[in-house]
Amino acid sequence: MESIGVLMTCPMSAYLEQELDKRFKLFRFWQFPQRAQFLKENCGSIRAVVGNATVGADAELIDALPKLEIVSSFSVGLDKVDLAKCKEKGVRVTNTPDVLTDDVADLAIGLCLAVLRRICECDRYVRSGKWKKGDYKLTSKFSGKTVGIIGLGRIGTAIAKRAEAFNCPVCYYSRREKPNCQYKYYPSVTELASNCNILVVACPLTEETRHIINREVIDALGPKGVLINIGRGPHVDEPELVSALLEGRLGGAGLDVFEKEPEVPEELFGLENVVLLPHVGSGTVETRQEMADLVIGNLEAYFLSKPLLTPVV
C-alpha cells in the first residue's frame, strides 16, 4: 500500500501519523503553505483523506482530489466532512464511534461536578493562599439533580447511566422518542430545559442542531441551571450564553467546545461558575490510540477490498 497517497489534513496524533507513514505515502497538508499548488501537483496520487473534528474534508477539497476514494475521520462527529459531496462522488466515509464514548461521558460528569462544586475555583483558592484567611464559600451538590440530555445516542446514553449512579433523575430530548426508554422524553429542548437542573448537549452537529441552545432555552434553564456542552461549539449561540452568564440569567456552564476554536470569549475567563476545557473530550492516551487504530483499520480494509469497520457513507 506504500504507493497509495493519503492526505492528513492537520496534526492530530503522532502515533497515527507514524503508523500511516509506515503503510502509505503520507502527505502532511499543514506542511504545504501553497495548498492550491500542492493539490495541483499531487491530486493524481491522493486516494484517501484523514481528517478530524477541526479540519475534515469540505466540498472544495473533495473536488480538488479527483482520485479520492475514502475519507477516514479521526473523530466521531462528521460536521467537518461534506457528506452530501462524498455521496455524490462515491467517496466512502468512516469515523471512530464507540471507542471514545466512555471518555466523553466521563468528562461530561466531571464538568457537572467541577461547575457545581467549583473544583477549579477551589484549587485556585488554595494555590493563592486565600484559605489561610477563611474557608471557601458553600457550593451546590450534584447528586440528585435532574439531568436533561440533548441527544440520547451512544454518548448521551453513557452520560445518563453515569448520572443515574449519582441518583440523578434523567430526561432527554431527541428528534423522536426512543422506544422502551426508561427516561422521560420532552418533545422540545425548551421543555427539557424547563424541567432539569443541568442540561447536557450530546447530539451531532447538523443544520437543525446549530444554535439549538438559544436565548429561549437558556432562559428556560434559568439562574440556577447549568449548561454542559461536550458536543460541538456551534450547538450554542455563544454571545447569548456569554450575556446570560454575565447577567446571572444562567447559573453556570461547563464547556469543552466553542464556536470558533481555539478562540474563546474572554468575558468567560473571570467567571468562577464557568469551567473551560480545550476540546479534550476524547483526549486520553488510551482512546486516541484506539481511534488511530480504527482510522488505520478502515483504510486498510478499504484498500484490501474488505468491509469497512465503521462506515458512515
C-alpha atoms as a PDB file:
ATOM      1  CA  MET A   1       0.000   0.000   0.000  1.00  0.00           C
ATOM      2  CA  GLU A   2       3.050   2.261   0.104  1.00  0.00           C
ATOM      3  CA  SER A   3       2.188   3.823  -3.241  1.00  0.00           C
ATOM      4  CA  ILE A   4      -1.314   4.871  -2.087  1.00  0.00           C
ATOM      5  CA  GLY A   5      -1.374   8.600  -1.293  1.00  0.00           C
ATOM      6  CA  VAL A   6      -3.048   9.591   1.989  1.00  0.00           C
ATOM      7  CA  LEU A   7      -3.578  13.263   2.847  1.00  0.00           C
ATOM      8  CA  MET A   8      -3.607  14.092   6.575  1.00  0.00           C
ATOM      9  CA  THR A   9      -5.346  17.459   6.989  1.00  0.00           C
ATOM     10  CA  CYS A  10      -3.707  18.690  10.228  1.00  0.00           C
ATOM     11  CA  PRO A  11      -1.600  17.416  13.152  1.00  0.00           C
ATOM     12  CA  MET A  12      -3.848  15.190  15.284  1.00  0.00           C
ATOM     13  CA  SER A  13      -1.889  12.214  16.631  1.00  0.00           C
ATOM     14  CA  ALA A  14       1.825  11.452  16.478  1.00  0.00           C
ATOM     15  CA  TYR A  15       1.035   7.737  16.720  1.00  0.00           C
ATOM     16  CA  LEU A  16      -1.467   7.910  13.850  1.00  0.00           C
ATOM     17  CA  GLU A  17       0.988   9.900  11.736  1.00  0.00           C
ATOM     18  CA  GLN A  18       3.746   7.366  12.376  1.00  0.00           C
ATOM     19  CA  GLU A  19       1.525   4.358  11.573  1.00  0.00           C
ATOM     20  CA  LEU A  20       0.187   5.962   8.381  1.00  0.00           C
ATOM     21  CA  ASP A  21       3.740   6.743   7.315  1.00  0.00           C
ATOM     22  CA  LYS A  22       4.654   3.058   7.652  1.00  0.00           C
ATOM     23  CA  ARG A  23       1.787   1.886   5.459  1.00  0.00           C
ATOM     24  CA  PHE A  24       1.045   4.612   2.921  1.00  0.00           C
ATOM     25  CA  LYS A  25       2.541   7.533   1.060  1.00  0.00           C
ATOM     26  CA  LEU A  26       1.624  10.167   3.625  1.00  0.00           C
ATOM     27  CA  PHE A  27       1.170  13.846   2.748  1.00  0.00           C
ATOM     28  CA  ARG A  28       1.040  16.252   5.700  1.00  0.00           C
ATOM     29  CA  PHE A  29      -1.225  19.050   4.415  1.00  0.00           C
ATOM     30  CA  TRP A  30      -0.075  21.571   7.042  1.00  0.00           C
ATOM     31  CA  GLN A  31       3.492  21.410   5.737  1.00  0.00           C
ATOM     32  CA  PHE A  32       2.476  22.907   2.386  1.00  0.00           C
ATOM     33  CA  PRO A  33       1.602  26.632   2.660  1.00  0.00           C
ATOM     34  CA  GLN A  34       0.885  26.824  -1.088  1.00  0.00           C
ATOM     35  CA  ARG A  35      -2.052  24.456  -0.835  1.00  0.00           C
ATOM     36  CA  ALA A  36      -3.540  25.039  -4.268  1.00  0.00           C
ATOM     37  CA  GLN A  37      -0.173  24.347  -5.884  1.00  0.00           C
ATOM     38  CA  PHE A  38       0.354  21.256  -3.717  1.00  0.00           C
ATOM     39  CA  LEU A  39      -3.070  19.838  -4.646  1.00  0.00           C
ATOM     40  CA  LYS A  40      -2.497  20.538  -8.321  1.00  0.00           C
ATOM     41  CA  GLU A  41       0.792  18.630  -8.241  1.00  0.00           C
ATOM     42  CA  ASN A  42      -0.352  15.688  -6.100  1.00  0.00           C
ATOM     43  CA  CYS A  43      -4.079  15.269  -6.760  1.00  0.00           C
ATOM     44  CA  GLY A  44      -3.416  12.315  -9.060  1.00  0.00           C
ATOM     45  CA  SER A  45      -1.925  10.185  -6.275  1.00  0.00           C
ATOM     46  CA  ILE A  46      -4.113  11.060  -3.258  1.00  0.00           C
ATOM     47  CA  ARG A  47      -6.777   8.385  -2.794  1.00  0.00           C
ATOM     48  CA  ALA A  48      -7.601   8.936   0.890  1.00  0.00           C
ATOM     49  CA  VAL A  49      -8.043  11.821   3.329  1.00  0.00           C
ATOM     50  CA  VAL A  50      -7.627  11.577   7.097  1.00  0.00           C
ATOM     51  CA  GLY A  51      -9.379  14.469   8.867  1.00  0.00           C
ATOM     52  CA  ASN A  52     -10.648  15.212  12.355  1.00  0.00           C
ATOM     53  CA  ALA A  53     -13.057  17.451  14.283  1.00  0.00           C
ATOM     54  CA  THR A  54     -11.003  20.524  13.359  1.00  0.00           C
ATOM     55  CA  VAL A  55     -10.130  20.033   9.681  1.00  0.00           C
ATOM     56  CA  GLY A  56     -12.098  17.459   7.712  1.00  0.00           C
ATOM     57  CA  ALA A  57     -12.919  17.325   4.021  1.00  0.00           C
ATOM     58  CA  ASP A  58     -15.068  20.131   2.614  1.00  0.00           C
ATOM     59  CA  ALA A  59     -16.527  20.285  -0.893  1.00  0.00           C
ATOM     60  CA  GLU A  60     -13.585  22.327  -2.180  1.00  0.00           C
ATOM     61  CA  LEU A  61     -11.016  19.739  -1.050  1.00  0.00           C
ATOM     62  CA  ILE A  62     -13.087  16.820  -2.342  1.00  0.00           C
ATOM     63  CA  ASP A  63     -13.465  18.499  -5.753  1.00  0.00           C
ATOM     64  CA  ALA A  64      -9.713  19.134  -5.852  1.00  0.00           C
ATOM     65  CA  LEU A  65      -8.969  15.407  -5.440  1.00  0.00           C
ATOM     66  CA  PRO A  66     -10.391  13.523  -8.452  1.00  0.00           C
ATOM     67  CA  LYS A  67      -8.849  10.211  -7.318  1.00  0.00           C
ATOM     68  CA  LEU A  68     -10.259  10.443  -3.775  1.00  0.00           C
ATOM     69  CA  GLU A  69     -11.979   7.215  -2.688  1.00  0.00           C
ATOM     70  CA  ILE A  70     -12.282   7.401   1.115  1.00  0.00           C
ATOM     71  CA  VAL A  71     -12.343   9.917   3.979  1.00  0.00           C
ATOM     72  CA  SER A  72     -11.387   8.322   7.307  1.00  0.00           C
ATOM     73  CA  SER A  73     -12.158  10.747  10.139  1.00  0.00           C
ATOM     74  CA  PHE A  74     -10.254  10.730  13.434  1.00  0.00           C
ATOM     75  CA  SER A  75     -13.444  11.761  15.298  1.00  0.00           C
ATOM     76  CA  VAL A  76     -16.997  10.633  15.881  1.00  0.00           C
ATOM     77  CA  GLY A  77     -18.566  13.918  14.725  1.00  0.00           C
ATOM     78  CA  LEU A  78     -18.655  14.459  10.965  1.00  0.00           C
ATOM     79  CA  ASP A  79     -19.658  18.124  10.727  1.00  0.00           C
ATOM     80  CA  LYS A  80     -16.299  18.917   9.071  1.00  0.00           C
ATOM     81  CA  VAL A  81     -16.910  16.398   6.268  1.00  0.00           C
ATOM     82  CA  ASP A  82     -19.227  17.279   3.373  1.00  0.00           C
ATOM     83  CA  LEU A  83     -21.224  14.043   3.415  1.00  0.00           C
ATOM     84  CA  ALA A  84     -23.501  15.095   0.542  1.00  0.00           C
ATOM     85  CA  LYS A  85     -20.492  15.768  -1.704  1.00  0.00           C
ATOM     86  CA  CYS A  86     -18.961  12.417  -0.700  1.00  0.00           C
ATOM     87  CA  LYS A  87     -22.192  10.596  -1.631  1.00  0.00           C
ATOM     88  CA  GLU A  88     -22.342  12.465  -4.933  1.00  0.00           C
ATOM     89  CA  LYS A  89     -18.747  11.495  -5.779  1.00  0.00           C
ATOM     90  CA  GLY A  90     -18.993   7.930  -4.457  1.00  0.00           C
ATOM     91  CA  VAL A  91     -16.417   8.617  -1.740  1.00  0.00           C
ATOM     92  CA  ARG A  92     -16.667   6.341   1.296  1.00  0.00           C
ATOM     93  CA  VAL A  93     -16.610   7.891   4.786  1.00  0.00           C
ATOM     94  CA  THR A  94     -15.710   6.363   8.158  1.00  0.00           C
ATOM     95  CA  ASN A  95     -15.437   7.735  11.698  1.00  0.00           C
ATOM     96  CA  THR A  96     -14.396   6.497  15.157  1.00  0.00           C
ATOM     97  CA  PRO A  97     -17.541   5.816  17.208  1.00  0.00           C
ATOM     98  CA  ASP A  98     -17.778   3.745  20.429  1.00  0.00           C
ATOM     99  CA  VAL A  99     -14.099   3.912  21.379  1.00  0.00           C
ATOM    100  CA  LEU A 100     -14.436   7.481  22.706  1.00  0.00           C
ATOM    101  CA  THR A 101     -17.881   7.127  24.307  1.00  0.00           C
ATOM    102  CA  ASP A 102     -16.623   6.456  27.846  1.00  0.00           C
ATOM    103  CA  ASP A 103     -14.089   9.292  27.847  1.00  0.00           C
ATOM    104  CA  VAL A 104     -16.587  11.892  26.645  1.00  0.00           C
ATOM    105  CA  ALA A 105     -19.253  10.687  29.078  1.00  0.00           C
ATOM    106  CA  ASP A 106     -16.740  10.714  31.957  1.00  0.00           C
ATOM    107  CA  LEU A 107     -15.766  14.262  31.053  1.00  0.00           C
ATOM    108  CA  ALA A 108     -19.415  15.400  30.983  1.00  0.00           C
ATOM    109  CA  ILE A 109     -19.881  14.173  34.558  1.00  0.00           C
ATOM    110  CA  GLY A 110     -16.545  15.727  35.503  1.00  0.00           C
ATOM    111  CA  LEU A 111     -17.764  19.075  34.188  1.00  0.00           C
ATOM    112  CA  CYS A 112     -21.018  18.756  36.163  1.00  0.00           C
ATOM    113  CA  LEU A 113     -19.036  18.197  39.359  1.00  0.00           C
ATOM    114  CA  ALA A 114     -16.465  20.868  38.548  1.00  0.00           C
ATOM    115  CA  VAL A 115     -19.103  23.541  37.899  1.00  0.00           C
ATOM    116  CA  LEU A 116     -21.406  22.714  40.812  1.00  0.00           C
ATOM    117  CA  ARG A 117     -18.678  22.055  43.392  1.00  0.00           C
ATOM    118  CA  ARG A 118     -16.407  24.820  41.996  1.00  0.00           C
ATOM    119  CA  ILE A 119     -13.471  22.392  41.885  1.00  0.00           C
ATOM    120  CA  CYS A 120     -11.260  24.589  39.659  1.00  0.00           C
ATOM    121  CA  GLU A 121     -12.059  27.695  41.685  1.00  0.00           C
ATOM    122  CA  CYS A 122     -11.328  25.873  44.959  1.00  0.00           C
ATOM    123  CA  ASP A 123      -7.984  24.768  43.553  1.00  0.00           C
ATOM    124  CA  ARG A 124      -7.113  28.389  42.696  1.00  0.00           C
ATOM    125  CA  TYR A 125      -8.287  29.444  46.184  1.00  0.00           C
ATOM    126  CA  VAL A 126      -5.811  27.098  47.858  1.00  0.00           C
ATOM    127  CA  ARG A 127      -2.931  27.946  45.487  1.00  0.00           C
ATOM    128  CA  SER A 128      -3.411  31.684  46.033  1.00  0.00           C
ATOM    129  CA  GLY A 129      -3.063  31.355  49.810  1.00  0.00           C
ATOM    130  CA  LYS A 130      -6.607  32.620  50.477  1.00  0.00           C
ATOM    131  CA  TRP A 131      -7.532  29.550  52.544  1.00  0.00           C
ATOM    132  CA  LYS A 132      -5.481  30.952  55.430  1.00  0.00           C
ATOM    133  CA  LYS A 133      -7.950  33.841  55.586  1.00  0.00           C
ATOM    134  CA  GLY A 134     -11.042  31.619  55.724  1.00  0.00           C
ATOM    135  CA  ASP A 135     -12.894  28.691  54.192  1.00  0.00           C
ATOM    136  CA  TYR A 136     -14.197  28.750  50.634  1.00  0.00           C
ATOM    137  CA  LYS A 137     -17.914  29.521  50.316  1.00  0.00           C
ATOM    138  CA  LEU A 138     -20.526  26.756  50.106  1.00  0.00           C
ATOM    139  CA  THR A 139     -21.280  25.205  46.714  1.00  0.00           C
ATOM    140  CA  SER A 140     -24.100  23.090  45.180  1.00  0.00           C
ATOM    141  CA  LYS A 141     -24.402  19.317  45.316  1.00  0.00           C
ATOM    142  CA  PHE A 142     -24.601  17.241  42.136  1.00  0.00           C
ATOM    143  CA  SER A 143     -26.235  14.065  43.479  1.00  0.00           C
ATOM    144  CA  GLY A 144     -29.981  14.093  42.998  1.00  0.00           C
ATOM    145  CA  LYS A 145     -30.064  16.953  40.473  1.00  0.00           C
ATOM    146  CA  THR A 146     -32.211  16.376  37.384  1.00  0.00           C
ATOM    147  CA  VAL A 147     -30.042  15.928  34.287  1.00  0.00           C
ATOM    148  CA  GLY A 148     -31.525  16.707  30.872  1.00  0.00           C
ATOM    149  CA  ILE A 149     -29.672  15.334  27.847  1.00  0.00           C
ATOM    150  CA  ILE A 150     -29.997  16.570  24.274  1.00  0.00           C
ATOM    151  CA  GLY A 151     -29.277  13.563  22.073  1.00  0.00           C
ATOM    152  CA  LEU A 152     -29.622  10.065  23.516  1.00  0.00           C
ATOM    153  CA  GLY A 153     -27.185   8.256  21.236  1.00  0.00           C
ATOM    154  CA  ARG A 154     -24.120   6.335  22.377  1.00  0.00           C
ATOM    155  CA  ILE A 155     -22.592   9.221  24.325  1.00  0.00           C
ATOM    156  CA  GLY A 156     -25.891  10.589  25.654  1.00  0.00           C
ATOM    157  CA  THR A 157     -26.856   7.136  26.956  1.00  0.00           C
ATOM    158  CA  ALA A 158     -23.444   6.684  28.599  1.00  0.00           C
ATOM    159  CA  ILE A 159     -23.864  10.069  30.336  1.00  0.00           C
ATOM    160  CA  ALA A 160     -27.357   9.057  31.502  1.00  0.00           C
ATOM    161  CA  LYS A 161     -26.046   5.828  33.056  1.00  0.00           C
ATOM    162  CA  ARG A 162     -23.345   7.718  34.919  1.00  0.00           C
ATOM    163  CA  ALA A 163     -25.832  10.346  36.124  1.00  0.00           C
ATOM    164  CA  GLU A 164     -28.079   7.552  37.441  1.00  0.00           C
ATOM    165  CA  ALA A 165     -25.193   6.390  39.648  1.00  0.00           C
ATOM    166  CA  PHE A 166     -25.402   9.820  41.343  1.00  0.00           C
ATOM    167  CA  ASN A 167     -29.164   9.297  41.903  1.00  0.00           C
ATOM    168  CA  CYS A 168     -29.926  11.943  39.298  1.00  0.00           C
ATOM    169  CA  PRO A 169     -33.310  11.697  37.549  1.00  0.00           C
ATOM    170  CA  VAL A 170     -32.640  11.726  33.785  1.00  0.00           C
ATOM    171  CA  CYS A 171     -34.771  13.178  30.995  1.00  0.00           C
ATOM    172  CA  TYR A 172     -33.973  13.803  27.358  1.00  0.00           C
ATOM    173  CA  TYR A 173     -34.824  15.364  24.013  1.00  0.00           C
ATOM    174  CA  SER A 174     -34.057  13.827  20.626  1.00  0.00           C
ATOM    175  CA  ARG A 175     -35.608  14.031  17.154  1.00  0.00           C
ATOM    176  CA  ARG A 176     -38.005  11.265  18.157  1.00  0.00           C
ATOM    177  CA  GLU A 177     -38.854   9.449  21.350  1.00  0.00           C
ATOM    178  CA  LYS A 178     -36.784   6.299  21.922  1.00  0.00           C
ATOM    179  CA  PRO A 179     -38.868   3.111  22.176  1.00  0.00           C
ATOM    180  CA  ASN A 180     -38.659   1.244  25.510  1.00  0.00           C
ATOM    181  CA  CYS A 181     -36.595   4.030  27.075  1.00  0.00           C
ATOM    182  CA  GLN A 182     -36.812   4.415  30.849  1.00  0.00           C
ATOM    183  CA  TYR A 183     -36.024   8.140  30.788  1.00  0.00           C
ATOM    184  CA  LYS A 184     -38.659  10.860  30.491  1.00  0.00           C
ATOM    185  CA  TYR A 185     -38.905  12.356  26.995  1.00  0.00           C
ATOM    186  CA  TYR A 186     -39.664  16.015  26.249  1.00  0.00           C
ATOM    187  CA  PRO A 187     -40.744  16.976  22.708  1.00  0.00           C
ATOM    188  CA  SER A 188     -38.793  20.264  22.706  1.00  0.00           C
ATOM    189  CA  VAL A 189     -35.465  21.494  24.049  1.00  0.00           C
ATOM    190  CA  THR A 190     -37.183  24.390  25.835  1.00  0.00           C
ATOM    191  CA  GLU A 191     -39.445  21.986  27.744  1.00  0.00           C
ATOM    192  CA  LEU A 192     -36.439  19.850  28.622  1.00  0.00           C
ATOM    193  CA  ALA A 193     -34.536  22.907  29.877  1.00  0.00           C
ATOM    194  CA  SER A 194     -37.546  23.980  31.965  1.00  0.00           C
ATOM    195  CA  ASN A 195     -37.620  20.618  33.712  1.00  0.00           C
ATOM    196  CA  CYS A 196     -33.964  19.970  34.541  1.00  0.00           C
ATOM    197  CA  ASN A 197     -31.193  21.452  36.681  1.00  0.00           C
ATOM    198  CA  ILE A 198     -28.353  20.501  34.356  1.00  0.00           C
ATOM    199  CA  LEU A 199     -28.668  20.481  30.566  1.00  0.00           C
ATOM    200  CA  VAL A 200     -26.090  18.423  28.652  1.00  0.00           C
ATOM    201  CA  VAL A 201     -25.568  18.832  24.890  1.00  0.00           C
ATOM    202  CA  ALA A 202     -24.588  15.455  23.398  1.00  0.00           C
ATOM    203  CA  CYS A 203     -26.078  15.444  19.886  1.00  0.00           C
ATOM    204  CA  PRO A 204     -24.347  15.577  16.482  1.00  0.00           C
ATOM    205  CA  LEU A 205     -23.934  18.992  14.855  1.00  0.00           C
ATOM    206  CA  THR A 206     -26.285  19.427  11.886  1.00  0.00           C
ATOM    207  CA  GLU A 207     -28.090  22.427  10.409  1.00  0.00           C
ATOM    208  CA  GLU A 208     -31.060  21.526  12.651  1.00  0.00           C
ATOM    209  CA  THR A 209     -28.955  21.443  15.831  1.00  0.00           C
ATOM    210  CA  ARG A 210     -26.866  24.558  15.136  1.00  0.00           C
ATOM    211  CA  HIS A 211     -27.690  27.071  17.921  1.00  0.00           C
ATOM    212  CA  ILE A 212     -30.079  24.540  19.470  1.00  0.00           C
ATOM    213  CA  ILE A 213     -29.121  26.329  22.704  1.00  0.00           C
ATOM    214  CA  ASN A 214     -30.510  29.833  22.177  1.00  0.00           C
ATOM    215  CA  ARG A 215     -31.788  32.595  24.452  1.00  0.00           C
ATOM    216  CA  GLU A 216     -35.159  30.908  24.959  1.00  0.00           C
ATOM    217  CA  VAL A 217     -33.552  27.638  26.067  1.00  0.00           C
ATOM    218  CA  ILE A 218     -31.043  29.413  28.325  1.00  0.00           C
ATOM    219  CA  ASP A 219     -33.843  31.400  29.984  1.00  0.00           C
ATOM    220  CA  ALA A 220     -35.827  28.180  30.456  1.00  0.00           C
ATOM    221  CA  LEU A 221     -32.816  26.634  32.209  1.00  0.00           C
ATOM    222  CA  GLY A 222     -32.670  29.698  34.422  1.00  0.00           C
ATOM    223  CA  PRO A 223     -30.427  31.359  37.024  1.00  0.00           C
ATOM    224  CA  LYS A 224     -29.859  28.123  38.956  1.00  0.00           C
ATOM    225  CA  GLY A 225     -29.414  25.950  35.880  1.00  0.00           C
ATOM    226  CA  VAL A 226     -26.131  24.669  34.465  1.00  0.00           C
ATOM    227  CA  LEU A 227     -25.268  24.071  30.814  1.00  0.00           C
ATOM    228  CA  ILE A 228     -22.723  21.392  29.866  1.00  0.00           C
ATOM    229  CA  ASN A 229     -21.526  21.212  26.247  1.00  0.00           C
ATOM    230  CA  ILE A 230     -19.414  18.234  25.142  1.00  0.00           C
ATOM    231  CA  GLY A 231     -20.930  18.241  21.639  1.00  0.00           C
ATOM    232  CA  ARG A 232     -19.772  20.957  19.256  1.00  0.00           C
ATOM    233  CA  GLY A 233     -19.326  24.689  19.807  1.00  0.00           C
ATOM    234  CA  PRO A 234     -21.927  25.823  17.240  1.00  0.00           C
ATOM    235  CA  HIS A 235     -24.644  23.956  19.169  1.00  0.00           C
ATOM    236  CA  VAL A 236     -24.670  27.032  21.410  1.00  0.00           C
ATOM    237  CA  ASP A 237     -25.406  30.638  20.477  1.00  0.00           C
ATOM    238  CA  GLU A 238     -22.221  31.811  22.193  1.00  0.00           C
ATOM    239  CA  PRO A 239     -22.985  35.555  22.535  1.00  0.00           C
ATOM    240  CA  GLU A 240     -26.331  34.640  24.158  1.00  0.00           C
ATOM    241  CA  LEU A 241     -24.573  32.261  26.541  1.00  0.00           C
ATOM    242  CA  VAL A 242     -21.974  34.877  27.479  1.00  0.00           C
ATOM    243  CA  SER A 243     -24.581  37.556  28.189  1.00  0.00           C
ATOM    244  CA  ALA A 244     -26.717  35.120  30.224  1.00  0.00           C
ATOM    245  CA  LEU A 245     -23.724  34.183  32.392  1.00  0.00           C
ATOM    246  CA  LEU A 246     -22.610  37.813  32.847  1.00  0.00           C
ATOM    247  CA  GLU A 247     -26.160  38.909  33.742  1.00  0.00           C
ATOM    248  CA  GLY A 248     -26.783  35.985  36.111  1.00  0.00           C
ATOM    249  CA  ARG A 249     -29.633  34.558  33.989  1.00  0.00           C
ATOM    250  CA  LEU A 250     -27.782  31.222  33.909  1.00  0.00           C
ATOM    251  CA  GLY A 251     -26.250  29.521  36.939  1.00  0.00           C
ATOM    252  CA  GLY A 252     -23.113  28.136  35.339  1.00  0.00           C
ATOM    253  CA  ALA A 253     -21.550  26.347  32.386  1.00  0.00           C
ATOM    254  CA  GLY A 254     -19.026  23.602  31.685  1.00  0.00           C
ATOM    255  CA  LEU A 255     -17.706  23.884  28.121  1.00  0.00           C
ATOM    256  CA  ASP A 256     -15.352  21.577  26.239  1.00  0.00           C
ATOM    257  CA  VAL A 257     -16.170  23.116  22.848  1.00  0.00           C
ATOM    258  CA  PHE A 258     -16.585  26.606  21.388  1.00  0.00           C
ATOM    259  CA  GLU A 259     -17.958  28.227  18.241  1.00  0.00           C
ATOM    260  CA  LYS A 260     -14.622  29.426  16.824  1.00  0.00           C
ATOM    261  CA  GLU A 261     -11.995  27.170  18.350  1.00  0.00           C
ATOM    262  CA  PRO A 262      -9.409  27.863  19.626  1.00  0.00           C
ATOM    263  CA  GLU A 263     -10.935  31.323  20.183  1.00  0.00           C
ATOM    264  CA  VAL A 264     -12.839  31.539  23.496  1.00  0.00           C
ATOM    265  CA  PRO A 265     -14.844  34.592  24.660  1.00  0.00           C
ATOM    266  CA  GLU A 266     -12.580  36.437  27.089  1.00  0.00           C
ATOM    267  CA  GLU A 267     -15.597  37.579  29.113  1.00  0.00           C
ATOM    268  CA  LEU A 268     -15.789  34.000  30.459  1.00  0.00           C
ATOM    269  CA  PHE A 269     -12.246  33.970  31.861  1.00  0.00           C
ATOM    270  CA  GLY A 270     -13.083  35.789  35.075  1.00  0.00           C
ATOM    271  CA  LEU A 271     -16.240  33.843  35.940  1.00  0.00           C
ATOM    272  CA  GLU A 272     -15.926  31.325  38.766  1.00  0.00           C
ATOM    273  CA  ASN A 273     -19.113  29.474  37.766  1.00  0.00           C
ATOM    274  CA  VAL A 274     -17.676  28.514  34.368  1.00  0.00           C
ATOM    275  CA  VAL A 275     -15.233  25.696  33.565  1.00  0.00           C
ATOM    276  CA  LEU A 276     -13.446  25.912  30.212  1.00  0.00           C
ATOM    277  CA  LEU A 277     -11.670  22.985  28.536  1.00  0.00           C
ATOM    278  CA  PRO A 278      -9.697  22.901  25.233  1.00  0.00           C
ATOM    279  CA  HIS A 279     -11.867  20.314  23.375  1.00  0.00           C
ATOM    280  CA  VAL A 280     -10.391  17.283  25.157  1.00  0.00           C
ATOM    281  CA  GLY A 281     -13.470  15.041  25.306  1.00  0.00           C
ATOM    282  CA  SER A 282     -11.661  12.061  23.790  1.00  0.00           C
ATOM    283  CA  GLY A 283      -8.234  13.264  24.891  1.00  0.00           C
ATOM    284  CA  THR A 284      -6.773  10.284  26.721  1.00  0.00           C
ATOM    285  CA  VAL A 285      -3.751   8.297  25.592  1.00  0.00           C
ATOM    286  CA  GLU A 286      -5.777   5.082  25.516  1.00  0.00           C
ATOM    287  CA  THR A 287      -8.698   6.400  23.487  1.00  0.00           C
ATOM    288  CA  ARG A 288      -6.658   8.391  20.989  1.00  0.00           C
ATOM    289  CA  GLN A 289      -4.663   5.238  20.220  1.00  0.00           C
ATOM    290  CA  GLU A 290      -7.866   3.231  19.728  1.00  0.00           C
ATOM    291  CA  MET A 291      -9.221   5.990  17.468  1.00  0.00           C
ATOM    292  CA  ALA A 292      -5.998   5.971  15.435  1.00  0.00           C
ATOM    293  CA  ASP A 293      -6.133   2.175  15.101  1.00  0.00           C
ATOM    294  CA  LEU A 294      -9.711   2.472  13.831  1.00  0.00           C
ATOM    295  CA  VAL A 295      -8.721   5.097  11.229  1.00  0.00           C
ATOM    296  CA  ILE A 296      -5.914   2.827  10.004  1.00  0.00           C
ATOM    297  CA  GLY A 297      -8.131  -0.260  10.147  1.00  0.00           C
ATOM    298  CA  ASN A 298     -10.740   1.400   7.949  1.00  0.00           C
ATOM    299  CA  LEU A 299      -8.149   2.479   5.380  1.00  0.00           C
ATOM    300  CA  GLU A 300      -6.544  -0.963   5.264  1.00  0.00           C
ATOM    301  CA  ALA A 301      -9.926  -2.677   4.962  1.00  0.00           C
ATOM    302  CA  TYR A 302     -10.942  -0.385   2.101  1.00  0.00           C
ATOM    303  CA  PHE A 303      -7.758  -0.808   0.072  1.00  0.00           C
ATOM    304  CA  LEU A 304      -7.791  -4.592   0.631  1.00  0.00           C
ATOM    305  CA  SER A 305     -11.434  -4.665  -0.589  1.00  0.00           C
ATOM    306  CA  LYS A 306     -12.718  -5.817   2.803  1.00  0.00           C
ATOM    307  CA  PRO A 307     -15.800  -4.479   4.631  1.00  0.00           C
ATOM    308  CA  LEU A 308     -15.244  -1.136   6.371  1.00  0.00           C
ATOM    309  CA  LEU A 309     -15.099  -1.323  10.174  1.00  0.00           C
ATOM    310  CA  THR A 310     -17.203   1.796  10.868  1.00  0.00           C
ATOM    311  CA  PRO A 311     -18.810   3.023   7.640  1.00  0.00           C
ATOM    312  CA  VAL A 312     -20.886   6.211   7.542  1.00  0.00           C
ATOM    313  CA  VAL A 313     -21.297   6.667   3.776  1.00  0.00           C
END
